[in-house]
Amino acid sequence: MKKLKLLAPVICLTILNCSSSIPPPNGMVDWYLSNGSGNSITLVVYDKICKRTYFRIPLSRSGEVPMSTCANSEGGAEFRYRRAGYDTGNSTWTDENLAANQSLLVRF
């Protein structure tokens, strides 16, 4: 019981330090994903600046989804995307750079 009382503050501090509230150094940038294909698709987007993955982003047929990722030093977004799913052998990553409020038209 004494060990649990001694370890409780250490565990709480560790958990609190895991969720950092430090903002990205260059802020965030807003941009849009647009579906240019005739079918609804699901994408995976990887933010190359903050090293964060956004899983299973649904895009309806001819739809658009707003995105917000970390900005690079010029204020733009650097990311890669691919189709989501179990069979990703044919779906390789595609790298993109966008400025604020631009739209990426995705066609598969």
PDB file of N, CA and C in Angstrom:
ATOM      1  N   MET A   1       0.819  -1.194   0.000  1.00  0.00           N
ATOM      2  CA  MET A   1       0.000   0.000   0.000  1.00  0.00           C
ATOM      3  C   MET A   1       0.859   1.252   0.000  1.00  0.00           C
ATOM      4  N   LYS A   2       2.013   1.203   0.726  1.00  0.00           N
ATOM      5  CA  LYS A   2       2.892   2.370   0.776  1.00  0.00           C
ATOM      6  C   LYS A   2       3.502   2.651  -0.596  1.00  0.00           C
ATOM      7  N   LYS A   3       3.821   1.587  -1.324  1.00  0.00           N
ATOM      8  CA  LYS A   3       4.406   1.773  -2.647  1.00  0.00           C
ATOM      9  C   LYS A   3       3.417   2.444  -3.596  1.00  0.00           C
ATOM     10  N   LEU A   4       2.152   2.080  -3.481  1.00  0.00           N
ATOM     11  CA  LEU A   4       1.123   2.673  -4.325  1.00  0.00           C
ATOM     12  C   LEU A   4       0.987   4.164  -4.039  1.00  0.00           C
ATOM     13  N   LYS A   5       1.046   4.543  -2.760  1.00  0.00           N
ATOM     14  CA  LYS A   5       0.953   5.961  -2.390  1.00  0.00           C
ATOM     15  C   LYS A   5       2.160   6.742  -2.896  1.00  0.00           C
ATOM     16  N   LEU A   6       3.315   6.098  -2.926  1.00  0.00           N
ATOM     17  CA  LEU A   6       4.517   6.769  -3.419  1.00  0.00           C
ATOM     18  C   LEU A   6       4.535   6.869  -4.942  1.00  0.00           C
ATOM     19  N   LEU A   7       3.984   5.859  -5.609  1.00  0.00           N
ATOM     20  CA  LEU A   7       3.989   5.850  -7.070  1.00  0.00           C
ATOM     21  C   LEU A   7       2.867   6.676  -7.690  1.00  0.00           C
ATOM     22  N   ALA A   8       1.801   6.936  -6.960  1.00  0.00           N
ATOM     23  CA  ALA A   8       0.647   7.658  -7.513  1.00  0.00           C
ATOM     24  C   ALA A   8       1.031   9.040  -8.041  1.00  0.00           C
ATOM     25  N   PRO A   9       1.792   9.871  -7.304  1.00  0.00           N
ATOM     26  CA  PRO A   9       2.160  11.181  -7.872  1.00  0.00           C
ATOM     27  C   PRO A   9       3.050  11.063  -9.108  1.00  0.00           C
ATOM     28  N   VAL A  10       3.925  10.068  -9.143  1.00  0.00           N
ATOM     29  CA  VAL A  10       4.799   9.881 -10.296  1.00  0.00           C
ATOM     30  C   VAL A  10       3.977   9.491 -11.522  1.00  0.00           C
ATOM     31  N   ILE A  11       3.026   8.613 -11.343  1.00  0.00           N
ATOM     32  CA  ILE A  11       2.162   8.189 -12.445  1.00  0.00           C
ATOM     33  C   ILE A  11       1.326   9.367 -12.948  1.00  0.00           C
ATOM     34  N   CYS A  12       0.772  10.160 -12.030  1.00  0.00           N
ATOM     35  CA  CYS A  12      -0.037  11.315 -12.443  1.00  0.00           C
ATOM     36  C   CYS A  12       0.792  12.339 -13.204  1.00  0.00           C
ATOM     37  N   LEU A  13       1.994  12.619 -12.747  1.00  0.00           N
ATOM     38  CA  LEU A  13       2.855  13.569 -13.454  1.00  0.00           C
ATOM     39  C   LEU A  13       3.254  13.051 -14.832  1.00  0.00           C
ATOM     40  N   THR A  14       3.483  11.771 -14.925  1.00  0.00           N
ATOM     41  CA  THR A  14       3.831  11.184 -16.217  1.00  0.00           C
ATOM     42  C   THR A  14       2.677  11.314 -17.206  1.00  0.00           C
ATOM     43  N   ILE A  15       1.472  11.033 -16.743  1.00  0.00           N
ATOM     44  CA  ILE A  15       0.294  11.126 -17.616  1.00  0.00           C
ATOM     45  C   ILE A  15       0.048  12.574 -18.028  1.00  0.00           C
ATOM     46  N   LEU A  16       0.200  13.513 -17.114  1.00  0.00           N
ATOM     47  CA  LEU A  16      -0.022  14.915 -17.442  1.00  0.00           C
ATOM     48  C   LEU A  16       1.016  15.435 -18.429  1.00  0.00           C
ATOM     49  N   ASN A  17       2.234  14.957 -18.355  1.00  0.00           N
ATOM     50  CA  ASN A  17       3.265  15.398 -19.286  1.00  0.00           C
ATOM     51  C   ASN A  17       3.101  14.792 -20.671  1.00  0.00           C
ATOM     52  N   CYS A  18       2.374  13.701 -20.797  1.00  0.00           N
ATOM     53  CA  CYS A  18       2.176  13.072 -22.106  1.00  0.00           C
ATOM     54  C   CYS A  18       1.291  13.916 -23.005  1.00  0.00           C
ATOM     55  N   SER A  19       0.312  14.578 -22.461  1.00  0.00           N
ATOM     56  CA  SER A  19      -0.571  15.414 -23.283  1.00  0.00           C
ATOM     57  C   SER A  19      -0.098  16.855 -23.186  1.00  0.00           C
ATOM     58  N   SER A  20       0.749  17.237 -24.092  1.00  0.00           N
ATOM     59  CA  SER A  20       1.364  18.554 -24.077  1.00  0.00           C
ATOM     60  C   SER A  20       0.403  19.605 -24.621  1.00  0.00           C
ATOM     61  N   SER A  21       0.403  20.759 -23.999  1.00  0.00           N
ATOM     62  CA  SER A  21      -0.424  21.860 -24.489  1.00  0.00           C
ATOM     63  C   SER A  21       0.431  22.918 -25.177  1.00  0.00           C
ATOM     64  N   ILE A  22       1.637  22.552 -25.574  1.00  0.00           N
ATOM     65  CA  ILE A  22       2.522  23.483 -26.263  1.00  0.00           C
ATOM     66  C   ILE A  22       2.051  23.617 -27.715  1.00  0.00           C
ATOM     67  N   PRO A  23       1.763  24.828 -28.160  1.00  0.00           N
ATOM     68  CA  PRO A  23       1.306  24.993 -29.553  1.00  0.00           C
ATOM     69  C   PRO A  23       2.446  24.756 -30.529  1.00  0.00           C
ATOM     70  N   PRO A  24       2.114  24.422 -31.773  1.00  0.00           N
ATOM     71  CA  PRO A  24       3.157  24.235 -32.791  1.00  0.00           C
ATOM     72  C   PRO A  24       3.940  25.536 -32.983  1.00  0.00           C
ATOM     73  N   PRO A  25       5.216  25.446 -33.296  1.00  0.00           N
ATOM     74  CA  PRO A  25       6.041  26.661 -33.393  1.00  0.00           C
ATOM     75  C   PRO A  25       5.584  27.645 -34.463  1.00  0.00           C
ATOM     76  N   ASN A  26       5.032  27.160 -35.565  1.00  0.00           N
ATOM     77  CA  ASN A  26       4.593  28.039 -36.655  1.00  0.00           C
ATOM     78  C   ASN A  26       3.081  28.146 -36.755  1.00  0.00           C
ATOM     79  N   GLY A  27       2.369  27.645 -35.778  1.00  0.00           N
ATOM     80  CA  GLY A  27       0.912  27.712 -35.787  1.00  0.00           C
ATOM     81  C   GLY A  27       0.277  26.624 -36.641  1.00  0.00           C
ATOM     82  N   MET A  28      -0.991  26.801 -36.921  1.00  0.00           N
ATOM     83  CA  MET A  28      -1.765  25.853 -37.716  1.00  0.00           C
ATOM     84  C   MET A  28      -2.159  26.509 -39.035  1.00  0.00           C
ATOM     85  N   VAL A  29      -2.400  25.669 -40.037  1.00  0.00           N
ATOM     86  CA  VAL A  29      -2.843  26.151 -41.345  1.00  0.00           C
ATOM     87  C   VAL A  29      -4.101  25.366 -41.735  1.00  0.00           C
ATOM     88  N   ASP A  30      -5.088  26.076 -42.262  1.00  0.00           N
ATOM     89  CA  ASP A  30      -6.341  25.466 -42.697  1.00  0.00           C
ATOM     90  C   ASP A  30      -6.316  25.289 -44.209  1.00  0.00           C
ATOM     91  N   TRP A  31      -6.773  24.131 -44.668  1.00  0.00           N
ATOM     92  CA  TRP A  31      -6.855  23.812 -46.080  1.00  0.00           C
ATOM     93  C   TRP A  31      -7.980  22.808 -46.277  1.00  0.00           C
ATOM     94  N   TYR A  32      -8.237  22.383 -47.511  1.00  0.00           N
ATOM     95  CA  TYR A  32      -9.388  21.530 -47.806  1.00  0.00           C
ATOM     96  C   TYR A  32      -8.995  20.322 -48.646  1.00  0.00           C
ATOM     97  N   LEU A  33      -9.648  19.199 -48.364  1.00  0.00           N
ATOM     98  CA  LEU A  33      -9.545  17.993 -49.186  1.00  0.00           C
ATOM     99  C   LEU A  33     -10.823  17.898 -50.001  1.00  0.00           C
ATOM    100  N   SER A  34     -10.714  17.799 -51.310  1.00  0.00           N
ATOM    101  CA  SER A  34     -11.887  17.694 -52.189  1.00  0.00           C
ATOM    102  C   SER A  34     -11.833  16.389 -52.955  1.00  0.00           C
ATOM    103  N   ASN A  35     -12.983  15.755 -53.111  1.00  0.00           N
ATOM    104  CA  ASN A  35     -13.087  14.495 -53.828  1.00  0.00           C
ATOM    105  C   ASN A  35     -13.452  14.784 -55.282  1.00  0.00           C
ATOM    106  N   GLY A  36     -12.557  14.447 -56.187  1.00  0.00           N
ATOM    107  CA  GLY A  36     -12.811  14.660 -57.602  1.00  0.00           C
ATOM    108  C   GLY A  36     -13.250  13.404 -58.327  1.00  0.00           C
ATOM    109  N   SER A  37     -13.361  12.303 -57.606  1.00  0.00           N
ATOM    110  CA  SER A  37     -13.786  11.055 -58.251  1.00  0.00           C
ATOM    111  C   SER A  37     -15.298  10.908 -58.153  1.00  0.00           C
ATOM    112  N   GLY A  38     -15.833   9.937 -58.826  1.00  0.00           N
ATOM    113  CA  GLY A  38     -17.271   9.707 -58.824  1.00  0.00           C
ATOM    114  C   GLY A  38     -17.759   8.868 -57.657  1.00  0.00           C
ATOM    115  N   ASN A  39     -16.844   8.393 -56.829  1.00  0.00           N
ATOM    116  CA  ASN A  39     -17.224   7.537 -55.694  1.00  0.00           C
ATOM    117  C   ASN A  39     -16.782   8.172 -54.390  1.00  0.00           C
ATOM    118  N   SER A  40     -17.407   7.769 -53.297  1.00  0.00           N
ATOM    119  CA  SER A  40     -16.932   8.211 -51.997  1.00  0.00           C
ATOM    120  C   SER A  40     -15.677   7.416 -51.641  1.00  0.00           C
ATOM    121  N   ILE A  41     -14.720   8.071 -51.012  1.00  0.00           N
ATOM    122  CA  ILE A  41     -13.451   7.440 -50.654  1.00  0.00           C
ATOM    123  C   ILE A  41     -13.102   7.781 -49.207  1.00  0.00           C
ATOM    124  N   THR A  42     -12.179   7.037 -48.649  1.00  0.00           N
ATOM    125  CA  THR A  42     -11.672   7.277 -47.304  1.00  0.00           C
ATOM    126  C   THR A  42     -10.156   7.403 -47.398  1.00  0.00           C
ATOM    127  N   LEU A  43      -9.614   8.447 -46.779  1.00  0.00           N
ATOM    128  CA  LEU A  43      -8.187   8.730 -46.872  1.00  0.00           C
ATOM    129  C   LEU A  43      -7.507   8.674 -45.510  1.00  0.00           C
ATOM    130  N   VAL A  44      -6.200   8.493 -45.549  1.00  0.00           N
ATOM    131  CA  VAL A  44      -5.326   8.646 -44.386  1.00  0.00           C
ATOM    132  C   VAL A  44      -4.385   9.787 -44.727  1.00  0.00           C
ATOM    133  N   VAL A  45      -4.281  10.780 -43.833  1.00  0.00           N
ATOM    134  CA  VAL A  45      -3.421  11.932 -44.043  1.00  0.00           C
ATOM    135  C   VAL A  45      -2.377  11.958 -42.930  1.00  0.00           C
ATOM    136  N   TYR A  46      -1.107  12.153 -43.307  1.00  0.00           N
ATOM    137  CA  TYR A  46      -0.009  12.235 -42.347  1.00  0.00           C
ATOM    138  C   TYR A  46       0.600  13.630 -42.398  1.00  0.00           C
ATOM    139  N   ASP A  47       0.537  14.352 -41.288  1.00  0.00           N
ATOM    140  CA  ASP A  47       1.109  15.683 -41.160  1.00  0.00           C
ATOM    141  C   ASP A  47       2.614  15.548 -40.949  1.00  0.00           C
ATOM    142  N   LYS A  48       3.412  16.000 -41.913  1.00  0.00           N
ATOM    143  CA  LYS A  48       4.865  15.827 -41.847  1.00  0.00           C
ATOM    144  C   LYS A  48       5.533  16.798 -40.873  1.00  0.00           C
ATOM    145  N   ILE A  49       4.879  17.890 -40.526  1.00  0.00           N
ATOM    146  CA  ILE A  49       5.457  18.866 -39.594  1.00  0.00           C
ATOM    147  C   ILE A  49       5.303  18.381 -38.152  1.00  0.00           C
ATOM    148  N   CYS A  50       4.086  18.072 -37.742  1.00  0.00           N
ATOM    149  CA  CYS A  50       3.830  17.623 -36.363  1.00  0.00           C
ATOM    150  C   CYS A  50       3.932  16.107 -36.202  1.00  0.00           C
ATOM    151  N   LYS A  51       4.147  15.401 -37.311  1.00  0.00           N
ATOM    152  CA  LYS A  51       4.256  13.936 -37.287  1.00  0.00           C
ATOM    153  C   LYS A  51       3.009  13.302 -36.654  1.00  0.00           C
ATOM    154  N   ARG A  52       1.853  13.703 -37.166  1.00  0.00           N
ATOM    155  CA  ARG A  52       0.563  13.234 -36.674  1.00  0.00           C
ATOM    156  C   ARG A  52      -0.218  12.622 -37.831  1.00  0.00           C
ATOM    157  N   THR A  53      -0.892  11.504 -37.568  1.00  0.00           N
ATOM    158  CA  THR A  53      -1.674  10.824 -38.597  1.00  0.00           C
ATOM    159  C   THR A  53      -3.160  11.028 -38.335  1.00  0.00           C
ATOM    160  N   TYR A  54      -3.896  11.354 -39.379  1.00  0.00           N
ATOM    161  CA  TYR A  54      -5.352  11.476 -39.327  1.00  0.00           C
ATOM    162  C   TYR A  54      -5.918  10.269 -40.085  1.00  0.00           C
ATOM    163  N   PHE A  55      -6.504   9.336 -39.344  1.00  0.00           N
ATOM    164  CA  PHE A  55      -6.991   8.085 -39.916  1.00  0.00           C
ATOM    165  C   PHE A  55      -8.427   8.224 -40.395  1.00  0.00           C
ATOM    166  N   ARG A  56      -8.739   7.548 -41.487  1.00  0.00           N
ATOM    167  CA  ARG A  56     -10.096   7.349 -41.988  1.00  0.00           C
ATOM    168  C   ARG A  56     -10.887   8.658 -42.119  1.00  0.00           C
ATOM    169  N   ILE A  57     -10.429   9.509 -43.011  1.00  0.00           N
ATOM    170  CA  ILE A  57     -11.138  10.749 -43.312  1.00  0.00           C
ATOM    171  C   ILE A  57     -12.094  10.456 -44.463  1.00  0.00           C
ATOM    172  N   PRO A  58     -13.410  10.496 -44.199  1.00  0.00           N
ATOM    173  CA  PRO A  58     -14.366  10.166 -45.260  1.00  0.00           C
ATOM    174  C   PRO A  58     -14.592  11.356 -46.191  1.00  0.00           C
ATOM    175  N   LEU A  59     -14.575  11.077 -47.483  1.00  0.00           N
ATOM    176  CA  LEU A  59     -14.889  12.079 -48.494  1.00  0.00           C
ATOM    177  C   LEU A  59     -16.048  11.557 -49.328  1.00  0.00           C
ATOM    178  N   SER A  60     -17.177  12.216 -49.220  1.00  0.00           N
ATOM    179  CA  SER A  60     -18.327  11.790 -50.007  1.00  0.00           C
ATOM    180  C   SER A  60     -18.111  12.159 -51.470  1.00  0.00           C
ATOM    181  N   ARG A  61     -18.935  11.613 -52.316  1.00  0.00           N
ATOM    182  CA  ARG A  61     -18.834  11.865 -53.749  1.00  0.00           C
ATOM    183  C   ARG A  61     -18.954  13.360 -54.024  1.00  0.00           C
ATOM    184  N   SER A  62     -17.949  13.928 -54.659  1.00  0.00           N
ATOM    185  CA  SER A  62     -17.867  15.368 -54.953  1.00  0.00           C
ATOM    186  C   SER A  62     -17.933  16.220 -53.692  1.00  0.00           C
ATOM    187  N   GLY A  63     -17.497  15.676 -52.556  1.00  0.00           N
ATOM    188  CA  GLY A  63     -17.534  16.403 -51.289  1.00  0.00           C
ATOM    189  C   GLY A  63     -16.210  17.080 -50.959  1.00  0.00           C
ATOM    190  N   GLU A  64     -16.223  17.859 -49.893  1.00  0.00           N
ATOM    191  CA  GLU A  64     -15.045  18.584 -49.445  1.00  0.00           C
ATOM    192  C   GLU A  64     -14.987  18.538 -47.921  1.00  0.00           C
ATOM    193  N   VAL A  65     -13.784  18.371 -47.372  1.00  0.00           N
ATOM    194  CA  VAL A  65     -13.582  18.280 -45.931  1.00  0.00           C
ATOM    195  C   VAL A  65     -12.537  19.315 -45.517  1.00  0.00           C
ATOM    196  N   PRO A  66     -12.837  20.165 -44.531  1.00  0.00           N
ATOM    197  CA  PRO A  66     -11.816  21.102 -44.066  1.00  0.00           C
ATOM    198  C   PRO A  66     -10.783  20.384 -43.198  1.00  0.00           C
ATOM    199  N   MET A  67      -9.515  20.734 -43.364  1.00  0.00           N
ATOM    200  CA  MET A  67      -8.427  20.148 -42.588  1.00  0.00           C
ATOM    201  C   MET A  67      -7.637  21.272 -41.922  1.00  0.00           C
ATOM    202  N   SER A  68      -7.002  20.947 -40.807  1.00  0.00           N
ATOM    203  CA  SER A  68      -6.134  21.881 -40.115  1.00  0.00           C
ATOM    204  C   SER A  68      -4.908  21.106 -39.649  1.00  0.00           C
ATOM    205  N   THR A  69      -3.744  21.467 -40.166  1.00  0.00           N
ATOM    206  CA  THR A  69      -2.502  20.789 -39.815  1.00  0.00           C
ATOM    207  C   THR A  69      -1.472  21.833 -39.388  1.00  0.00           C
ATOM    208  N   CYS A  70      -0.343  21.372 -38.910  1.00  0.00           N
ATOM    209  CA  CYS A  70       0.725  22.269 -38.473  1.00  0.00           C
ATOM    210  C   CYS A  70       1.340  22.966 -39.679  1.00  0.00           C
ATOM    211  N   ALA A  71       1.703  24.227 -39.494  1.00  0.00           N
ATOM    212  CA  ALA A  71       2.276  25.024 -40.577  1.00  0.00           C
ATOM    213  C   ALA A  71       3.792  24.918 -40.581  1.00  0.00           C
ATOM    214  N   ASN A  72       4.362  24.990 -41.773  1.00  0.00           N
ATOM    215  CA  ASN A  72       5.819  25.049 -41.884  1.00  0.00           C
ATOM    216  C   ASN A  72       6.271  26.499 -41.705  1.00  0.00           C
ATOM    217  N   SER A  73       7.540  26.789 -41.895  1.00  0.00           N
ATOM    218  CA  SER A  73       8.063  28.142 -41.654  1.00  0.00           C
ATOM    219  C   SER A  73       7.482  29.179 -42.620  1.00  0.00           C
ATOM    220  N   GLU A  74       6.993  28.742 -43.794  1.00  0.00           N
ATOM    221  CA  GLU A  74       6.366  29.659 -44.745  1.00  0.00           C
ATOM    222  C   GLU A  74       4.861  29.794 -44.530  1.00  0.00           C
ATOM    223  N   GLY A  75       4.302  29.070 -43.574  1.00  0.00           N
ATOM    224  CA  GLY A  75       2.871  29.145 -43.303  1.00  0.00           C
ATOM    225  C   GLY A  75       2.034  28.181 -44.118  1.00  0.00           C
ATOM    226  N   GLY A  76       2.656  27.226 -44.778  1.00  0.00           N
ATOM    227  CA  GLY A  76       1.937  26.247 -45.584  1.00  0.00           C
ATOM    228  C   GLY A  76       1.859  24.889 -44.905  1.00  0.00           C
ATOM    229  N   ALA A  77       1.129  23.989 -45.516  1.00  0.00           N
ATOM    230  CA  ALA A  77       0.961  22.634 -44.995  1.00  0.00           C
ATOM    231  C   ALA A  77       1.855  21.674 -45.770  1.00  0.00           C
ATOM    232  N   GLU A  78       2.516  20.774 -45.069  1.00  0.00           N
ATOM    233  CA  GLU A  78       3.297  19.694 -45.680  1.00  0.00           C
ATOM    234  C   GLU A  78       2.724  18.384 -45.162  1.00  0.00           C
ATOM    235  N   PHE A  79       2.209  17.564 -46.076  1.00  0.00           N
ATOM    236  CA  PHE A  79       1.565  16.329 -45.660  1.00  0.00           C
ATOM    237  C   PHE A  79       1.680  15.299 -46.764  1.00  0.00           C
ATOM    238  N   ARG A  80       1.282  14.091 -46.448  1.00  0.00           N
ATOM    239  CA  ARG A  80       1.174  13.010 -47.430  1.00  0.00           C
ATOM    240  C   ARG A  80      -0.162  12.329 -47.193  1.00  0.00           C
ATOM    241  N   TYR A  81      -0.696  11.715 -48.254  1.00  0.00           N
ATOM    242  CA  TYR A  81      -1.996  11.054 -48.137  1.00  0.00           C
ATOM    243  C   TYR A  81      -2.016   9.789 -48.971  1.00  0.00           C
ATOM    244  N   ARG A  82      -2.974   8.916 -48.657  1.00  0.00           N
ATOM    245  CA  ARG A  82      -3.237   7.704 -49.429  1.00  0.00           C
ATOM    246  C   ARG A  82      -4.639   7.219 -49.081  1.00  0.00           C
ATOM    247  N   ARG A  83      -5.124   6.284 -49.872  1.00  0.00           N
ATOM    248  CA  ARG A  83      -6.428   5.681 -49.574  1.00  0.00           C
ATOM    249  C   ARG A  83      -6.328   4.832 -48.329  1.00  0.00           C
ATOM    250  N   ALA A  84      -7.372   4.814 -47.543  1.00  0.00           N
ATOM    251  CA  ALA A  84      -7.415   3.993 -46.341  1.00  0.00           C
ATOM    252  C   ALA A  84      -7.951   2.621 -46.705  1.00  0.00           C
ATOM    253  N   GLY A  85      -7.601   1.641 -45.918  1.00  0.00           N
ATOM    254  CA  GLY A  85      -8.103   0.295 -46.120  1.00  0.00           C
ATOM    255  C   GLY A  85      -7.061  -0.739 -45.800  1.00  0.00           C
ATOM    256  N   TYR A  86      -7.483  -1.971 -45.848  1.00  0.00           N
ATOM    257  CA  TYR A  86      -6.587  -3.062 -45.512  1.00  0.00           C
ATOM    258  C   TYR A  86      -5.606  -3.359 -46.641  1.00  0.00           C
ATOM    259  N   ASP A  87      -6.042  -3.250 -47.874  1.00  0.00           N
ATOM    260  CA  ASP A  87      -5.183  -3.539 -49.020  1.00  0.00           C
ATOM    261  C   ASP A  87      -4.545  -2.236 -49.493  1.00  0.00           C
ATOM    262  N   THR A  88      -3.451  -1.822 -48.847  1.00  0.00           N
ATOM    263  CA  THR A  88      -2.786  -0.580 -49.223  1.00  0.00           C
ATOM    264  C   THR A  88      -1.561  -0.831 -50.089  1.00  0.00           C
ATOM    265  N   GLY A  89      -1.421  -2.028 -50.625  1.00  0.00           N
ATOM    266  CA  GLY A  89      -0.273  -2.346 -51.465  1.00  0.00           C
ATOM    267  C   GLY A  89      -0.226  -1.510 -52.721  1.00  0.00           C
ATOM    268  N   ASN A  90      -1.370  -1.234 -53.326  1.00  0.00           N
ATOM    269  CA  ASN A  90      -1.428  -0.439 -54.552  1.00  0.00           C
ATOM    270  C   ASN A  90      -1.553   1.053 -54.263  1.00  0.00           C
ATOM    271  N   SER A  91      -1.806   1.397 -53.025  1.00  0.00           N
ATOM    272  CA  SER A  91      -2.034   2.787 -52.664  1.00  0.00           C
ATOM    273  C   SER A  91      -0.814   3.330 -51.920  1.00  0.00           C
ATOM    274  N   THR A  92       0.113   3.933 -52.649  1.00  0.00           N
ATOM    275  CA  THR A  92       1.313   4.475 -52.026  1.00  0.00           C
ATOM    276  C   THR A  92       1.050   5.906 -51.548  1.00  0.00           C
ATOM    277  N   TRP A  93       1.934   6.397 -50.723  1.00  0.00           N
ATOM    278  CA  TRP A  93       1.810   7.760 -50.200  1.00  0.00           C
ATOM    279  C   TRP A  93       2.106   8.771 -51.308  1.00  0.00           C
ATOM    280  N   THR A  94       1.361   9.855 -51.292  1.00  0.00           N
ATOM    281  CA  THR A  94       1.570  10.971 -52.205  1.00  0.00           C
ATOM    282  C   THR A  94       1.877  12.211 -51.374  1.00  0.00           C
ATOM    283  N   ASP A  95       3.017  12.843 -51.604  1.00  0.00           N
ATOM    284  CA  ASP A  95       3.410  14.038 -50.855  1.00  0.00           C
ATOM    285  C   ASP A  95       2.811  15.284 -51.488  1.00  0.00           C
ATOM    286  N   GLU A  96       2.386  16.225 -50.632  1.00  0.00           N
ATOM    287  CA  GLU A  96       1.796  17.484 -51.107  1.00  0.00           C
ATOM    288  C   GLU A  96       2.222  18.634 -50.211  1.00  0.00           C
ATOM    289  N   ASN A  97       2.256  19.821 -50.786  1.00  0.00           N
ATOM    290  CA  ASN A  97       2.464  21.077 -50.070  1.00  0.00           C
ATOM    291  C   ASN A  97       1.366  22.033 -50.511  1.00  0.00           C
ATOM    292  N   LEU A  98       0.675  22.634 -49.543  1.00  0.00           N
ATOM    293  CA  LEU A  98      -0.393  23.579 -49.864  1.00  0.00           C
ATOM    294  C   LEU A  98      -0.237  24.840 -49.033  1.00  0.00           C
ATOM    295  N   ALA A  99      -0.688  25.958 -49.569  1.00  0.00           N
ATOM    296  CA  ALA A  99      -0.759  27.206 -48.822  1.00  0.00           C
ATOM    297  C   ALA A  99      -2.095  27.254 -48.083  1.00  0.00           C
ATOM    298  N   ALA A 100      -2.252  28.237 -47.248  1.00  0.00           N
ATOM    299  CA  ALA A 100      -3.485  28.379 -46.467  1.00  0.00           C
ATOM    300  C   ALA A 100      -4.690  28.558 -47.382  1.00  0.00           C
ATOM    301  N   ASN A 101      -5.781  27.924 -47.025  1.00  0.00           N
ATOM    302  CA  ASN A 101      -7.087  28.010 -47.707  1.00  0.00           C
ATOM    303  C   ASN A 101      -7.079  27.463 -49.120  1.00  0.00           C
ATOM    304  N   GLN A 102      -6.073  26.684 -49.494  1.00  0.00           N
ATOM    305  CA  GLN A 102      -6.093  26.012 -50.788  1.00  0.00           C
ATOM    306  C   GLN A 102      -6.832  24.683 -50.662  1.00  0.00           C
ATOM    307  N   SER A 103      -7.238  24.151 -51.792  1.00  0.00           N
ATOM    308  CA  SER A 103      -7.971  22.901 -51.835  1.00  0.00           C
ATOM    309  C   SER A 103      -7.198  21.886 -52.670  1.00  0.00           C
ATOM    310  N   LEU A 104      -7.092  20.656 -52.162  1.00  0.00           N
ATOM    311  CA  LEU A 104      -6.440  19.563 -52.887  1.00  0.00           C
ATOM    312  C   LEU A 104      -7.525  18.678 -53.476  1.00  0.00           C
ATOM    313  N   LEU A 105      -7.541  18.560 -54.790  1.00  0.00           N
ATOM    314  CA  LEU A 105      -8.502  17.707 -55.491  1.00  0.00           C
ATOM    315  C   LEU A 105      -7.919  16.322 -55.622  1.00  0.00           C
ATOM    316  N   VAL A 106      -8.539  15.343 -54.947  1.00  0.00           N
ATOM    317  CA  VAL A 106      -8.041  13.967 -54.919  1.00  0.00           C
ATOM    318  C   VAL A 106      -8.829  13.143 -55.921  1.00  0.00           C
ATOM    319  N   ARG A 107      -8.098  12.391 -56.761  1.00  0.00           N
ATOM    320  CA  ARG A 107      -8.732  11.485 -57.730  1.00  0.00           C
ATOM    321  C   ARG A 107      -8.023  10.146 -57.663  1.00  0.00           C
ATOM    322  N   PHE A 108      -8.789   9.108 -57.451  1.00  0.00           N
ATOM    323  CA  PHE A 108      -8.238   7.744 -57.456  1.00  0.00           C
ATOM    324  C   PHE A 108      -8.936   6.921 -58.492  1.00  0.00           C
TER     325      PHE A 108
END
